[in-house]
Amino acid sequence: MSVEIFDELLLLAAQNGASDIVIKSDKPGVLRINGGLEEVDMQPIDGEDALTFVE
């Protein structure tokens, strides 16, 4: 997974007024919108990609 995927996730969050983005290994991204958690329709984020993004 490339950095572009994370950029798209951040953009999606901004466009939808998300207050939080949840990234977990081997799970798709999740946005907190209006207090609820909504899973993003995307491929799961593997552990290495999640760690690279955080670093």
C-alpha atoms as a PDB file:
ATOM      1  CA  MET A   1       0.000   0.000   0.000  1.00  0.00           C
ATOM      2  CA  SER A   2       1.367   3.378  -0.875  1.00  0.00           C
ATOM      3  CA  VAL A   3       1.281   6.709   0.908  1.00  0.00           C
ATOM      4  CA  GLU A   4      -1.343   7.797  -1.636  1.00  0.00           C
ATOM      5  CA  ILE A   5      -3.852   5.442   0.015  1.00  0.00           C
ATOM      6  CA  PHE A   6      -3.345   7.211   3.345  1.00  0.00           C
ATOM      7  CA  ASP A   7      -3.655  10.587   1.613  1.00  0.00           C
ATOM      8  CA  GLU A   8      -6.980   9.458   0.142  1.00  0.00           C
ATOM      9  CA  LEU A   9      -8.138   8.267   3.573  1.00  0.00           C
ATOM     10  CA  LEU A  10      -7.262  11.654   5.092  1.00  0.00           C
ATOM     11  CA  LEU A  11      -9.061  13.456   2.264  1.00  0.00           C
ATOM     12  CA  LEU A  12     -12.143  11.268   2.705  1.00  0.00           C
ATOM     13  CA  ALA A  13     -12.116  12.057   6.423  1.00  0.00           C
ATOM     14  CA  ALA A  14     -11.930  15.793   5.765  1.00  0.00           C
ATOM     15  CA  GLN A  15     -14.691  15.676   3.147  1.00  0.00           C
ATOM     16  CA  ASN A  16     -17.007  13.820   5.538  1.00  0.00           C
ATOM     17  CA  GLY A  17     -16.256  15.836   8.661  1.00  0.00           C
ATOM     18  CA  ALA A  18     -14.673  12.897  10.463  1.00  0.00           C
ATOM     19  CA  SER A  19     -13.221  13.697  13.867  1.00  0.00           C
ATOM     20  CA  ASP A  20     -10.978  10.625  13.962  1.00  0.00           C
ATOM     21  CA  ILE A  21      -9.339   8.070  11.715  1.00  0.00           C
ATOM     22  CA  VAL A  22      -8.716   4.586  13.083  1.00  0.00           C
ATOM     23  CA  ILE A  23      -5.954   2.534  11.487  1.00  0.00           C
ATOM     24  CA  LYS A  24      -5.414  -1.056  12.613  1.00  0.00           C
ATOM     25  CA  SER A  25      -3.245  -3.776  11.110  1.00  0.00           C
ATOM     26  CA  ASP A  26      -5.088  -6.100   8.754  1.00  0.00           C
ATOM     27  CA  LYS A  27      -8.305  -4.019   8.898  1.00  0.00           C
ATOM     28  CA  PRO A  28      -9.749  -1.365   6.581  1.00  0.00           C
ATOM     29  CA  GLY A  29      -9.627   2.246   7.761  1.00  0.00           C
ATOM     30  CA  VAL A  30     -12.442   3.494   9.993  1.00  0.00           C
ATOM     31  CA  LEU A  31     -13.753   7.057  10.287  1.00  0.00           C
ATOM     32  CA  ARG A  32     -15.587   8.537  13.267  1.00  0.00           C
ATOM     33  CA  ILE A  33     -18.407  10.602  11.781  1.00  0.00           C
ATOM     34  CA  ASN A  34     -21.034  12.236  14.020  1.00  0.00           C
ATOM     35  CA  GLY A  35     -19.921  10.066  16.928  1.00  0.00           C
ATOM     36  CA  GLY A  36     -20.303   6.772  15.038  1.00  0.00           C
ATOM     37  CA  LEU A  37     -17.648   4.561  13.495  1.00  0.00           C
ATOM     38  CA  GLU A  38     -17.903   3.885   9.769  1.00  0.00           C
ATOM     39  CA  GLU A  39     -15.632   1.403   8.013  1.00  0.00           C
ATOM     40  CA  VAL A  40     -14.167   2.661   4.745  1.00  0.00           C
ATOM     41  CA  ASP A  41     -14.637   0.456   1.674  1.00  0.00           C
ATOM     42  CA  MET A  42     -10.966  -0.345   1.091  1.00  0.00           C
ATOM     43  CA  GLN A  43      -8.458  -3.157   1.261  1.00  0.00           C
ATOM     44  CA  PRO A  44      -7.153  -3.978   4.760  1.00  0.00           C
ATOM     45  CA  ILE A  45      -4.036  -2.077   5.787  1.00  0.00           C
ATOM     46  CA  ASP A  46      -1.181  -4.450   6.540  1.00  0.00           C
ATOM     47  CA  GLY A  47       0.992  -3.980   9.611  1.00  0.00           C
ATOM     48  CA  GLU A  48       4.087  -2.767   7.773  1.00  0.00           C
ATOM     49  CA  ASP A  49       2.134  -0.077   5.927  1.00  0.00           C
ATOM     50  CA  ALA A  50       0.468   1.100   9.138  1.00  0.00           C
ATOM     51  CA  LEU A  51       3.842   1.336  10.896  1.00  0.00           C
ATOM     52  CA  THR A  52       5.413   3.175   7.955  1.00  0.00           C
ATOM     53  CA  PHE A  53       2.558   5.693   7.954  1.00  0.00           C
ATOM     54  CA  VAL A  54       2.882   6.333  11.696  1.00  0.00           C
ATOM     55  CA  GLU A  55       6.642   6.752  11.495  1.00  0.00           C
END
